[in-house]
Amino acid sequence: MDVLTDDHEREQVVRKWWHDNWLSLAVGIVIAVGGMVGYRYYQDYKLSNAEEYAYKLSSIQTKLVLQPTEGKEEAKAFIAEHKDIYGSLLSLDVAQLLCAEGKYEEALDSASFAAENGGKLVAPNAVLVKAHILTQDKKYDEAVKALNDLSQSAYAIEKNELLGDIYLQQGNKDAAHDAYAKALAECEAQKISINPILQMKADSLIKEGDTAAFERAQKLEEQIAASATSIKK
């Protein structure tokens, strides 16, 4: 599984969460009309800024794809002004681009910025990105250390799959087998579909007594479908 692609999907979820929750703050007890008007003005101001930043973020991300050289310059300026979730999300996109160019140290700096400034929503994702970059740079021990420090259960699937990839590149097939097995088990525990790439990785290292990953994936899909049906009822 390409971790950066998966991480990008997570970023889309984070951005949506951030936008949807700007209006979720409790109003509390309004003591005076003036206070109520002031509060509403403040909320409108915050919402307006959030939408502006999100729009700017999206436009720069598009430019990074279509015009990477110009996009990186705009991204650099935006990130310098936004040591927050917006700058952090963009810094992960920049890290992906730099990693693809083989500029691993610069990519790590971008990922570190996200880890330091993205808060609890982005920091775990940034750790995965850093581990991926370190793996690309063949710094396997550092990558494993970074992943072992990632304790959030929401990222257990990606963490263990990447650990499996690292161990496999190191030639440690037993450790890779065990890491992929943990990723499969996490998918089952969290009722998340097992992606085909993980299935192939796990089945390439299958041992006697193992249930094939593709069979486990089929069974899990049946369970997910059954759960969805019961919820509709």
Foldseek 3Di string as FASTA:
>chain_A
DPLLVVLVVLLVVVLVVVLVCLPVDDPPDDDDPVSVVVVVVVSVVVNVVSVVLSVLLVVLLVCCVVPVVVSVVSLVVSLVVDLAQSNLSSLQSVLVVCLVVVNLVSSLVSLVSNLVRYPPSRNLSSLLSNLVSCVSVVVLVVSLVSLVVRDDLVCLLVSLQVNLVSCVVVVNLVSSLVSLVSNLVSCLVVLHADDPVSQVSNQVSDDPPDDRSVVSNVVSVVVSVVVVVVVVD
